[in-house]
């Protein structure tokens, strides 16, 4: 079987779609475990990676509708993950301050994770 440029790009597009679809499976499993609707951190990693791979495929296809849609989706995923990381760092700093205020000598701080 000969691998043409088109075959390779279709494979890349399918990989991107697989990654992007995995975010729903990740969310479903996490929500079932917690018995409530949650968006775990891995959801954003799959969303961003799948979105960027699909964006590459859309650029190769020169499809402006597909390019626009994937650009906004990947951008939104990056912003959401950045916000989540920022909130986690702020929570950790708050925990450290609270421990210092109580006079705790323990250097370990548990990072809190939002829903």
Protein backbone atom coordinates (compact mmCIF):
# COMPACT_ATOMS: atom_id res chain seq x y z
CA UNK A 1 0.00 0.00 0.00
CA UNK A 2 1.37 3.36 -1.00
CA UNK A 3 1.13 6.22 1.46
CA UNK A 4 0.16 9.35 -0.36
CA UNK A 5 0.14 12.84 1.12
CA UNK A 6 -3.64 12.71 1.18
CA UNK A 7 -3.68 9.39 3.05
CA UNK A 8 -1.27 10.75 5.66
CA UNK A 9 -3.37 13.90 6.18
CA UNK A 10 -6.58 11.91 6.44
CA UNK A 11 -4.87 9.78 9.11
CA UNK A 12 -3.85 12.98 10.93
CA UNK A 13 -7.44 14.22 10.71
CA UNK A 14 -8.78 10.95 12.12
CA UNK A 15 -6.24 11.09 14.96
CA UNK A 16 -7.36 14.63 15.77
CA UNK A 17 -10.99 13.56 15.79
CA UNK A 18 -10.15 10.63 18.07
CA UNK A 19 -8.31 12.90 20.53
CA UNK A 20 -11.10 15.47 20.45
CA UNK A 21 -13.73 12.78 21.04
CA UNK A 22 -11.81 11.33 23.98
CA UNK A 23 -12.60 14.46 25.99
CA UNK A 24 -16.24 13.38 26.18
CA UNK A 25 -15.31 9.91 27.37
CA UNK A 26 -12.97 11.40 30.00
CA UNK A 27 -15.74 13.71 31.23
CA UNK A 28 -18.28 10.91 31.27
CA UNK A 29 -16.04 8.61 33.35
CA UNK A 30 -15.13 11.40 35.80
CA UNK A 31 -18.78 12.45 36.16
CA UNK A 32 -19.88 8.86 36.79
CA UNK A 33 -17.24 8.44 39.50
CA UNK A 34 -18.28 11.66 41.27
CA UNK A 35 -21.99 11.20 40.56
CA UNK A 36 -22.18 14.79 39.33
CA UNK A 37 -21.24 16.65 36.17
CA UNK A 38 -17.54 17.58 36.30
CA UNK A 39 -14.92 18.69 33.80
CA UNK A 40 -11.57 17.12 34.77
CA UNK A 41 -8.25 18.63 33.79
CA UNK A 42 -7.61 15.86 31.23
CA UNK A 43 -10.72 17.05 29.36
CA UNK A 44 -8.86 20.25 28.46
CA UNK A 45 -5.68 18.46 27.38
CA UNK A 46 -7.66 16.23 25.00
CA UNK A 47 -9.69 19.20 23.79
CA UNK A 48 -6.60 21.28 23.04
CA UNK A 49 -4.55 18.49 21.47
CA UNK A 50 -7.44 17.24 19.35
CA UNK A 51 -8.38 20.79 18.37
CA UNK A 52 -4.84 21.66 17.28
CA UNK A 53 -4.46 18.45 15.26
CA UNK A 54 -7.84 19.08 13.61
CA UNK A 55 -6.81 22.70 12.97
CA UNK A 56 -3.70 21.43 11.16
CA UNK A 57 -5.87 19.14 9.07
CA UNK A 58 -8.32 21.99 8.31
CA UNK A 59 -5.44 24.23 7.20
CA UNK A 60 -4.19 21.48 4.90
CA UNK A 61 -7.69 21.19 3.43
CA UNK A 62 -7.87 25.00 3.10
CA UNK A 63 -11.37 24.93 4.61
CA UNK A 64 -12.12 28.38 6.12
CA UNK A 65 -15.19 27.21 8.05
CA UNK A 66 -13.30 24.30 9.61
CA UNK A 67 -10.27 26.52 10.32
CA UNK A 68 -12.38 29.17 12.06
CA UNK A 69 -14.24 26.62 14.17
CA UNK A 70 -11.12 24.78 15.31
CA UNK A 71 -9.23 28.03 15.98
CA UNK A 72 -11.86 29.23 18.43
CA UNK A 73 -12.21 25.79 20.02
CA UNK A 74 -8.48 25.35 20.61
CA UNK A 75 -8.17 28.93 21.86
CA UNK A 76 -11.03 28.47 24.30
CA UNK A 77 -9.50 25.23 25.59
CA UNK A 78 -6.14 26.91 26.16
CA UNK A 79 -7.76 29.79 28.05
CA UNK A 80 -9.82 27.42 30.19
CA UNK A 81 -6.80 25.29 31.09
CA UNK A 82 -4.79 28.43 31.88
CA UNK A 83 -7.57 29.66 34.16
CA UNK A 84 -7.75 26.31 35.91
CA UNK A 85 -3.98 26.22 36.51
CA UNK A 86 -4.02 29.83 37.77
CA UNK A 87 -6.83 28.98 40.21
CA UNK A 88 -4.95 25.90 41.44
CA UNK A 89 -1.79 27.96 42.06
CA UNK A 90 -3.79 30.64 43.89
CA UNK A 91 -5.46 28.00 46.06
CA UNK A 92 -2.06 26.50 46.89
CA UNK A 93 -0.74 29.93 47.88
CA UNK A 94 -3.81 30.46 50.03
CA UNK A 95 -3.25 27.09 51.73
CA UNK A 96 0.39 28.00 52.40
CA UNK A 97 -0.62 31.34 53.93
CA UNK A 98 -3.23 29.64 56.10
CA UNK A 99 -0.68 27.11 57.34
CA UNK A 100 1.82 29.87 58.14
CA UNK A 101 -0.84 31.85 59.97
CA UNK A 102 -1.60 28.81 62.13
CA UNK A 103 2.10 28.35 62.83
CA UNK A 104 2.33 25.00 61.06
CA UNK A 105 5.87 23.85 60.38
CA UNK A 106 4.75 21.31 57.85
CA UNK A 107 6.10 22.21 54.44
CA UNK A 108 3.60 20.13 52.53
CA UNK A 109 0.60 21.78 51.00
CA UNK A 110 -2.15 19.84 49.30
CA UNK A 111 -3.24 21.41 46.05
CA UNK A 112 -6.97 21.78 45.75
CA UNK A 113 -8.67 20.96 42.52
CA UNK A 114 -11.80 22.69 41.34
CA UNK A 115 -14.69 20.91 39.73
